[in-house]
Structures are given as structure tokens and as C-alpha cells.
């Protein structure tokens, strides 16, 4: 399942790592905000007029708190998308450097760096395997950081929850869920925030070991962001 017929050159990675860390931190903060608004909705209680979606295509006017939750949710979606972009840019840079350092082709072809997150069943292990492959080729013989397993476990918990990272329902449905089962929503939010925090540790750890190997090979990071 490997690819790439030409060996890529080593490229600076610390700048991409800083962007990925910022994206993860922003996404984590956005999901904290979601949790806060969900708790506020639960505390306020379901209005006497019922849930926003009244059935049969009828929707009542939103309360101020519900309308604010829509804004928070939209901003959270934007932050999550930005996080995904910055993380993938970092991962692609790390993947290319790992191949250059090891002289070995990646375990998965380049399209899987993207498709691995969304193809059913494959998304249960491919992204983690790609990250682990980057580490093993960047630091042969060194154990995989525990943060990788924490990151992936929390990601799977949030993804498979039905209301987390891969949720495709309406925001009004989440509002109704907040009125009836806010504890579950907050648990999912906590898993997402935990995955973001663990992801930051993963980015820092893998970047550090790869940069150390690059420095040993005489390829120093010349970018303005000299340190993480």
C-alpha cells in the first residue's frame, strides 16, 4: 500500500507543528464552549413551547440562548475544519521527512492520508497507523509515545458516539438533546477536548524526535520558529 517513486528532500517541520498545535488548541477551546452552552441550555430547561423542531417540518422561533448555541456550533465547526487542515499539513510534512530519513516508502499511499479519516472501517485504524509509521521511520527503535494511543482512543470515542466529531444531524437536534441528556453530550465534548490535548502532545513529541534526527543528519530547521 506504499507509494512515491522519488525520495523527497527534508523540509522544515517546526512551523507546520506550531500551526497544528494552534489548530488543535483552537478546536479544543471551541468544544469547551459547546459544552458550556449545552450546560446552560440544560440549566435553563426546555421552554414551554417545546423543542425547536416541532415535527412535520415545523420549527418554533429560537430563544436567545438557542440562537447563541447555533453561533457557537458554527464557530466550532470552522475551528475543527481549520484544525484538520493544519494537522494534515503537519502530517504530510512529517511523512515526507520520515521517508527521506529512513529511505523507506510510507506504509500507506498518499491518498490515505486524507481518505483514511472518512472511509468506513478503515478510519478505525489507518490514521493512527500513519502517525505510528511516521514515528517508527523518524526514530527507529524508540517506543511509540503513549500520547498516540490516548489521542486515538479519545478520537474514536468522540467519533463513534453519534453526536461527536462525525455528527451529521442538525444543531436543533443537539439543542433538544441538551435539554434531555446533557451529561452524555458533555462526556462526548470532554472526549473531543481530550483528543485535542493529546494531539498537541503527539505533535510536539513526534516533531521533537524527527527534528533531533534531522539535526543529526545535518539538516537544521531554518524557519523563524526555531523552537516549539
Foldseek 3Di string as FASTA:
>chain_A
DFDDPDQDDQAFQPVLLVQLLVLLVQLLVLLVVLLVLLLVLQVVAADPVGFQPPDPPDGDDDDPSLVVSVVSVVVSVVSNVSNVVSVLVSLVNLQSLLCNQQVDTQPDYPVCSPCCCPDPPSVLPSNLSSLVSSQCSLPPPDDQDPLSVLLSVLVCCLCPLCCHDVPDDDSSVVSNCSNPPSVSSSVSSVSSSSNSVSVSVSSQVSSVSNQVSCVVVVNHNPDPCRDD
